[in-house]
Amino acid sequence: MSASGNRGQFAKGTSGNRRGRPKKKPIGFRTLAELDQVILGVMNRQVSSGGGGERMTLLEFNCTSLATGKSANPLACRSVIRIAIDCAKREEERVCEAERRAEQLREREEARLRAEQSRFDYHGGD
């Protein structure tokens, strides 16, 4: 007979897994839009530019480093700038697409209301 009696394998209040339930693994980014938001957020973080104590965004820092020739790795600076540009373009396209869809919905609703009004007018207000 087990220590828990006839009810199960383990004693009351004790489970078989001493370390508890495993933690869920993070899913990560589900969409490119989510990744773009993270990248743009990182690019807009404030960093110190060095000796002068001047604060600027990470994107500004990379642009300045590249423009002044003070970058230890110009290829990395160019890559960071290119990634930020690509993210911003995709975000702009998403915003434009959302605005276009909203405009289409407004136009459809206006057309529906006009049709309803003309039907109402045709029947003489019945």
N, C-alpha and C. Protein backbone atom coordinates (compact mmCIF):
# COMPACT_ATOMS: atom_id res chain seq x y z
N MET A 1 0.85 -1.18 0.00
CA MET A 1 0.00 0.00 0.00
C MET A 1 0.89 1.24 0.00
N SER A 2 0.51 2.27 -0.78
CA SER A 2 1.32 3.47 -0.89
C SER A 2 1.11 4.39 0.30
N ALA A 3 2.00 5.40 0.40
CA ALA A 3 1.92 6.35 1.52
C ALA A 3 0.66 7.20 1.45
N SER A 4 0.05 7.27 0.30
CA SER A 4 -1.14 8.12 0.15
C SER A 4 -2.43 7.37 0.40
N GLY A 5 -2.36 6.14 0.70
CA GLY A 5 -3.57 5.37 0.90
C GLY A 5 -4.06 4.82 -0.42
N ASN A 6 -5.34 4.68 -0.56
CA ASN A 6 -5.92 4.10 -1.77
C ASN A 6 -6.27 5.14 -2.82
N ARG A 7 -6.06 6.42 -2.54
CA ARG A 7 -6.56 7.46 -3.43
C ARG A 7 -5.67 7.72 -4.64
N GLY A 8 -4.41 7.48 -4.59
CA GLY A 8 -3.56 7.78 -5.73
C GLY A 8 -2.11 7.45 -5.45
N GLN A 9 -1.29 7.90 -6.33
CA GLN A 9 0.12 7.56 -6.27
C GLN A 9 0.88 8.38 -5.23
N PHE A 10 0.46 9.64 -5.00
CA PHE A 10 1.21 10.53 -4.12
C PHE A 10 0.40 10.91 -2.89
N ALA A 11 1.12 11.27 -1.84
CA ALA A 11 0.47 11.69 -0.60
C ALA A 11 -0.27 13.01 -0.83
N LYS A 12 -1.27 13.27 -0.02
CA LYS A 12 -2.07 14.49 -0.15
C LYS A 12 -1.17 15.72 -0.04
N GLY A 13 -1.34 16.66 -0.99
CA GLY A 13 -0.56 17.89 -1.00
C GLY A 13 0.80 17.74 -1.66
N THR A 14 1.08 16.61 -2.22
CA THR A 14 2.37 16.37 -2.86
C THR A 14 2.14 15.91 -4.29
N SER A 15 2.84 16.55 -5.20
CA SER A 15 2.73 16.11 -6.59
C SER A 15 3.98 15.34 -6.96
N GLY A 16 3.98 14.75 -8.10
CA GLY A 16 5.14 14.00 -8.55
C GLY A 16 6.24 14.86 -9.12
N ASN A 17 5.95 16.11 -9.43
CA ASN A 17 6.94 16.98 -10.05
C ASN A 17 7.43 17.98 -9.00
N ARG A 18 8.59 17.71 -8.43
CA ARG A 18 9.10 18.56 -7.34
C ARG A 18 9.45 19.96 -7.81
N ARG A 19 9.81 20.11 -9.08
CA ARG A 19 10.18 21.43 -9.60
C ARG A 19 8.96 22.21 -10.10
N GLY A 20 7.80 21.64 -10.04
CA GLY A 20 6.59 22.34 -10.46
C GLY A 20 6.37 22.27 -11.96
N ARG A 21 5.34 22.93 -12.38
CA ARG A 21 4.98 22.95 -13.79
C ARG A 21 6.05 23.69 -14.59
N PRO A 22 6.43 23.16 -15.74
CA PRO A 22 7.44 23.86 -16.54
C PRO A 22 6.92 25.22 -17.02
N LYS A 23 7.82 26.18 -17.08
CA LYS A 23 7.46 27.51 -17.56
C LYS A 23 7.16 27.44 -19.05
N LYS A 24 6.20 28.26 -19.47
CA LYS A 24 5.90 28.34 -20.89
C LYS A 24 7.02 29.09 -21.59
N LYS A 25 7.39 28.61 -22.74
CA LYS A 25 8.40 29.31 -23.52
C LYS A 25 7.74 30.48 -24.23
N PRO A 26 8.43 31.62 -24.27
CA PRO A 26 7.84 32.76 -24.99
C PRO A 26 7.68 32.43 -26.47
N ILE A 27 6.60 32.90 -27.03
CA ILE A 27 6.29 32.61 -28.42
C ILE A 27 7.18 33.42 -29.35
N GLY A 28 7.58 34.60 -28.92
CA GLY A 28 8.37 35.45 -29.80
C GLY A 28 7.45 36.32 -30.64
N PHE A 29 7.94 36.72 -31.76
CA PHE A 29 7.17 37.61 -32.63
C PHE A 29 6.29 36.79 -33.54
N ARG A 30 5.02 37.11 -33.56
CA ARG A 30 4.09 36.38 -34.40
C ARG A 30 4.00 36.97 -35.80
N THR A 31 4.26 38.27 -35.88
CA THR A 31 4.13 38.94 -37.18
C THR A 31 5.33 39.85 -37.41
N LEU A 32 5.51 40.17 -38.65
CA LEU A 32 6.56 41.12 -39.02
C LEU A 32 6.26 42.49 -38.42
N ALA A 33 4.99 42.83 -38.32
CA ALA A 33 4.61 44.12 -37.73
C ALA A 33 5.07 44.21 -36.28
N GLU A 34 4.94 43.12 -35.52
CA GLU A 34 5.40 43.13 -34.13
C GLU A 34 6.91 43.33 -34.07
N LEU A 35 7.63 42.65 -34.92
CA LEU A 35 9.09 42.80 -34.95
C LEU A 35 9.46 44.22 -35.34
N ASP A 36 8.78 44.77 -36.33
CA ASP A 36 9.05 46.15 -36.75
C ASP A 36 8.85 47.12 -35.59
N GLN A 37 7.79 46.91 -34.81
CA GLN A 37 7.53 47.80 -33.67
C GLN A 37 8.66 47.74 -32.65
N VAL A 38 9.16 46.55 -32.40
CA VAL A 38 10.27 46.40 -31.45
C VAL A 38 11.52 47.09 -31.99
N ILE A 39 11.83 46.86 -33.25
CA ILE A 39 13.02 47.46 -33.85
C ILE A 39 12.92 48.98 -33.82
N LEU A 40 11.78 49.52 -34.21
CA LEU A 40 11.62 50.98 -34.20
C LEU A 40 11.69 51.52 -32.77
N GLY A 41 11.17 50.76 -31.82
CA GLY A 41 11.27 51.18 -30.42
C GLY A 41 12.71 51.25 -29.95
N VAL A 42 13.49 50.25 -30.34
CA VAL A 42 14.91 50.24 -29.97
C VAL A 42 15.64 51.40 -30.65
N MET A 43 15.34 51.63 -31.91
CA MET A 43 16.01 52.71 -32.65
C MET A 43 15.70 54.09 -32.07
N ASN A 44 14.56 54.22 -31.39
CA ASN A 44 14.17 55.51 -30.82
C ASN A 44 14.59 55.68 -29.37
N ARG A 45 15.30 54.70 -28.82
CA ARG A 45 15.81 54.84 -27.45
C ARG A 45 16.91 55.88 -27.40
N GLN A 46 16.96 56.57 -26.30
CA GLN A 46 17.98 57.60 -26.10
C GLN A 46 19.28 56.94 -25.62
N VAL A 47 20.39 57.37 -26.20
CA VAL A 47 21.71 56.89 -25.79
C VAL A 47 22.62 58.10 -25.63
N SER A 48 23.70 57.92 -24.88
CA SER A 48 24.70 58.98 -24.74
C SER A 48 25.64 58.90 -25.92
N SER A 49 25.98 60.05 -26.46
CA SER A 49 26.83 60.06 -27.65
C SER A 49 28.30 59.95 -27.32
N GLY A 50 28.64 59.96 -26.08
CA GLY A 50 30.05 59.82 -25.72
C GLY A 50 30.51 60.91 -24.80
N GLY A 51 31.60 61.56 -25.16
CA GLY A 51 32.25 62.54 -24.29
C GLY A 51 31.41 63.74 -23.93
N GLY A 52 30.63 64.25 -24.85
CA GLY A 52 29.89 65.48 -24.60
C GLY A 52 28.66 65.31 -23.73
N GLY A 53 28.26 64.09 -23.49
CA GLY A 53 27.07 63.85 -22.70
C GLY A 53 25.79 64.14 -23.45
N GLU A 54 25.91 64.42 -24.72
CA GLU A 54 24.72 64.69 -25.54
C GLU A 54 23.90 63.41 -25.69
N ARG A 55 22.59 63.55 -25.61
CA ARG A 55 21.69 62.40 -25.76
C ARG A 55 21.06 62.46 -27.14
N MET A 56 20.96 61.30 -27.76
CA MET A 56 20.31 61.19 -29.07
C MET A 56 19.76 59.79 -29.21
N THR A 57 18.90 59.60 -30.20
CA THR A 57 18.36 58.26 -30.41
C THR A 57 19.46 57.37 -30.98
N LEU A 58 19.24 56.08 -30.85
CA LEU A 58 20.20 55.12 -31.38
C LEU A 58 20.35 55.28 -32.89
N LEU A 59 19.25 55.57 -33.56
CA LEU A 59 19.31 55.78 -35.01
C LEU A 59 20.13 57.03 -35.33
N GLU A 60 19.90 58.11 -34.60
CA GLU A 60 20.69 59.33 -34.80
C GLU A 60 22.17 59.07 -34.53
N PHE A 61 22.44 58.30 -33.50
CA PHE A 61 23.83 57.98 -33.16
C PHE A 61 24.52 57.24 -34.30
N ASN A 62 23.82 56.25 -34.87
CA ASN A 62 24.41 55.50 -35.98
C ASN A 62 24.62 56.38 -37.20
N CYS A 63 23.66 57.23 -37.50
CA CYS A 63 23.79 58.14 -38.64
C CYS A 63 24.96 59.10 -38.43
N THR A 64 25.05 59.66 -37.23
CA THR A 64 26.13 60.60 -36.92
C THR A 64 27.49 59.91 -36.98
N SER A 65 27.57 58.72 -36.40
CA SER A 65 28.83 57.97 -36.42
C SER A 65 29.27 57.68 -37.84
N LEU A 66 28.33 57.32 -38.67
CA LEU A 66 28.65 57.01 -40.07
C LEU A 66 29.05 58.28 -40.82
N ALA A 67 28.31 59.35 -40.59
CA ALA A 67 28.57 60.60 -41.32
C ALA A 67 29.90 61.23 -40.93
N THR A 68 30.28 61.10 -39.67
CA THR A 68 31.52 61.73 -39.21
C THR A 68 32.74 60.83 -39.35
N GLY A 69 32.51 59.59 -39.73
CA GLY A 69 33.62 58.65 -39.88
C GLY A 69 34.15 58.13 -38.56
N LYS A 70 33.40 58.32 -37.49
CA LYS A 70 33.85 57.89 -36.16
C LYS A 70 33.36 56.49 -35.80
N SER A 71 32.70 55.84 -36.72
CA SER A 71 32.17 54.52 -36.45
C SER A 71 33.28 53.48 -36.49
N ALA A 72 33.31 52.63 -35.48
CA ALA A 72 34.27 51.53 -35.47
C ALA A 72 33.89 50.47 -36.50
N ASN A 73 32.60 50.41 -36.82
CA ASN A 73 32.13 49.42 -37.78
C ASN A 73 31.10 50.07 -38.71
N PRO A 74 31.55 50.72 -39.78
CA PRO A 74 30.62 51.41 -40.68
C PRO A 74 29.59 50.48 -41.31
N LEU A 75 29.97 49.25 -41.57
CA LEU A 75 29.03 48.30 -42.16
C LEU A 75 27.86 48.03 -41.21
N ALA A 76 28.17 47.91 -39.92
CA ALA A 76 27.11 47.69 -38.93
C ALA A 76 26.19 48.91 -38.86
N CYS A 77 26.77 50.11 -38.90
CA CYS A 77 25.96 51.33 -38.87
C CYS A 77 25.02 51.37 -40.08
N ARG A 78 25.57 51.07 -41.25
CA ARG A 78 24.73 51.07 -42.46
C ARG A 78 23.62 50.05 -42.34
N SER A 79 23.94 48.88 -41.80
CA SER A 79 22.93 47.83 -41.66
C SER A 79 21.82 48.25 -40.70
N VAL A 80 22.19 48.86 -39.60
CA VAL A 80 21.20 49.33 -38.63
C VAL A 80 20.29 50.37 -39.27
N ILE A 81 20.89 51.29 -40.00
CA ILE A 81 20.10 52.34 -40.66
C ILE A 81 19.17 51.73 -41.70
N ARG A 82 19.68 50.79 -42.47
CA ARG A 82 18.86 50.12 -43.51
C ARG A 82 17.68 49.37 -42.89
N ILE A 83 17.95 48.68 -41.79
CA ILE A 83 16.88 47.94 -41.10
C ILE A 83 15.81 48.91 -40.61
N ALA A 84 16.25 50.02 -40.02
CA ALA A 84 15.29 51.02 -39.51
C ALA A 84 14.46 51.61 -40.65
N ILE A 85 15.11 51.88 -41.77
CA ILE A 85 14.38 52.43 -42.93
C ILE A 85 13.35 51.43 -43.43
N ASP A 86 13.75 50.17 -43.55
CA ASP A 86 12.82 49.13 -44.01
C ASP A 86 11.62 48.99 -43.07
N CYS A 87 11.89 49.01 -41.76
CA CYS A 87 10.80 48.92 -40.78
C CYS A 87 9.85 50.11 -40.91
N ALA A 88 10.42 51.29 -41.05
CA ALA A 88 9.60 52.49 -41.16
C ALA A 88 8.75 52.47 -42.43
N LYS A 89 9.33 51.99 -43.52
CA LYS A 89 8.57 51.89 -44.78
C LYS A 89 7.40 50.92 -44.64
N ARG A 90 7.68 49.76 -44.04
CA ARG A 90 6.59 48.79 -43.86
C ARG A 90 5.50 49.35 -42.95
N GLU A 91 5.91 50.05 -41.90
CA GLU A 91 4.92 50.64 -40.99
C GLU A 91 4.08 51.69 -41.72
N GLU A 92 4.72 52.49 -42.54
CA GLU A 92 4.00 53.50 -43.32
C GLU A 92 3.02 52.83 -44.28
N GLU A 93 3.44 51.74 -44.91
CA GLU A 93 2.55 51.00 -45.81
C GLU A 93 1.35 50.45 -45.06
N ARG A 94 1.58 49.95 -43.84
CA ARG A 94 0.47 49.42 -43.04
C ARG A 94 -0.51 50.52 -42.68
N VAL A 95 0.01 51.68 -42.32
CA VAL A 95 -0.86 52.81 -41.97
C VAL A 95 -1.67 53.25 -43.19
N CYS A 96 -1.01 53.35 -44.34
CA CYS A 96 -1.71 53.75 -45.57
C CYS A 96 -2.79 52.74 -45.93
N GLU A 97 -2.48 51.46 -45.77
CA GLU A 97 -3.46 50.41 -46.08
C GLU A 97 -4.65 50.51 -45.14
N ALA A 98 -4.40 50.76 -43.87
CA ALA A 98 -5.50 50.90 -42.91
C ALA A 98 -6.36 52.12 -43.24
N GLU A 99 -5.72 53.21 -43.63
CA GLU A 99 -6.48 54.41 -44.02
C GLU A 99 -7.30 54.15 -45.28
N ARG A 100 -6.71 53.42 -46.23
CA ARG A 100 -7.43 53.10 -47.46
C ARG A 100 -8.66 52.24 -47.16
N ARG A 101 -8.50 51.26 -46.29
CA ARG A 101 -9.63 50.40 -45.92
C ARG A 101 -10.72 51.20 -45.20
N ALA A 102 -10.30 52.10 -44.33
CA ALA A 102 -11.28 52.93 -43.61
C ALA A 102 -12.05 53.81 -44.60
N GLU A 103 -11.35 54.35 -45.58
CA GLU A 103 -12.00 55.18 -46.60
C GLU A 103 -13.00 54.35 -47.42
N GLN A 104 -12.62 53.13 -47.76
CA GLN A 104 -13.53 52.25 -48.51
C GLN A 104 -14.79 51.96 -47.69
N LEU A 105 -14.61 51.72 -46.41
CA LEU A 105 -15.77 51.47 -45.54
C LEU A 105 -16.68 52.70 -45.48
N ARG A 106 -16.07 53.88 -45.35
CA ARG A 106 -16.88 55.11 -45.33
C ARG A 106 -17.65 55.28 -46.63
N GLU A 107 -16.99 55.03 -47.76
CA GLU A 107 -17.66 55.16 -49.06
C GLU A 107 -18.81 54.17 -49.19
N ARG A 108 -18.60 52.95 -48.74
CA ARG A 108 -19.68 51.95 -48.80
C ARG A 108 -20.86 52.36 -47.94
N GLU A 109 -20.55 52.87 -46.75
CA GLU A 109 -21.62 53.29 -45.85
C GLU A 109 -22.38 54.48 -46.43
N GLU A 110 -21.66 55.42 -47.02
CA GLU A 110 -22.33 56.56 -47.66
C GLU A 110 -23.20 56.11 -48.82
N ALA A 111 -22.70 55.17 -49.62
CA ALA A 111 -23.49 54.65 -50.74
C ALA A 111 -24.75 53.94 -50.23
N ARG A 112 -24.60 53.19 -49.16
CA ARG A 112 -25.75 52.49 -48.58
C ARG A 112 -26.78 53.50 -48.07
N LEU A 113 -26.30 54.55 -47.42
CA LEU A 113 -27.22 55.56 -46.90
C LEU A 113 -27.92 56.31 -48.04
N ARG A 114 -27.18 56.62 -49.12
CA ARG A 114 -27.79 57.28 -50.28
C ARG A 114 -28.85 56.39 -50.91
N ALA A 115 -28.55 55.10 -51.04
CA ALA A 115 -29.52 54.17 -51.62
C ALA A 115 -30.76 54.08 -50.74
N GLU A 116 -30.55 54.04 -49.46
CA GLU A 116 -31.68 53.98 -48.53
C GLU A 116 -32.51 55.26 -48.61
N GLN A 117 -31.84 56.40 -48.70
CA GLN A 117 -32.55 57.68 -48.79
C GLN A 117 -33.33 57.77 -50.10
N SER A 118 -32.73 57.33 -51.20
CA SER A 118 -33.44 57.41 -52.49
C SER A 118 -34.63 56.46 -52.49
N ARG A 119 -34.50 55.32 -51.86
CA ARG A 119 -35.63 54.39 -51.77
C ARG A 119 -36.74 55.02 -50.93
N PHE A 120 -36.36 55.69 -49.87
CA PHE A 120 -37.31 56.37 -49.01
C PHE A 120 -38.02 57.48 -49.79
N ASP A 121 -37.23 58.27 -50.56
CA ASP A 121 -37.80 59.37 -51.35
C ASP A 121 -38.70 58.83 -52.45
N TYR A 122 -38.34 57.73 -53.07
CA TYR A 122 -39.10 57.14 -54.17
C TYR A 122 -40.48 56.69 -53.70
N HIS A 123 -40.52 56.13 -52.51
CA HIS A 123 -41.80 55.64 -51.99
C HIS A 123 -42.61 56.74 -51.32
N GLY A 124 -42.12 57.93 -51.40
CA GLY A 124 -42.89 59.05 -50.88
C GLY A 124 -42.90 59.13 -49.36
N GLY A 125 -41.87 58.60 -48.73
CA GLY A 125 -41.77 58.72 -47.28
C GLY A 125 -42.57 57.69 -46.53
N ASP A 126 -43.02 56.65 -47.20
CA ASP A 126 -43.79 55.59 -46.51
C ASP A 126 -42.93 54.82 -45.56
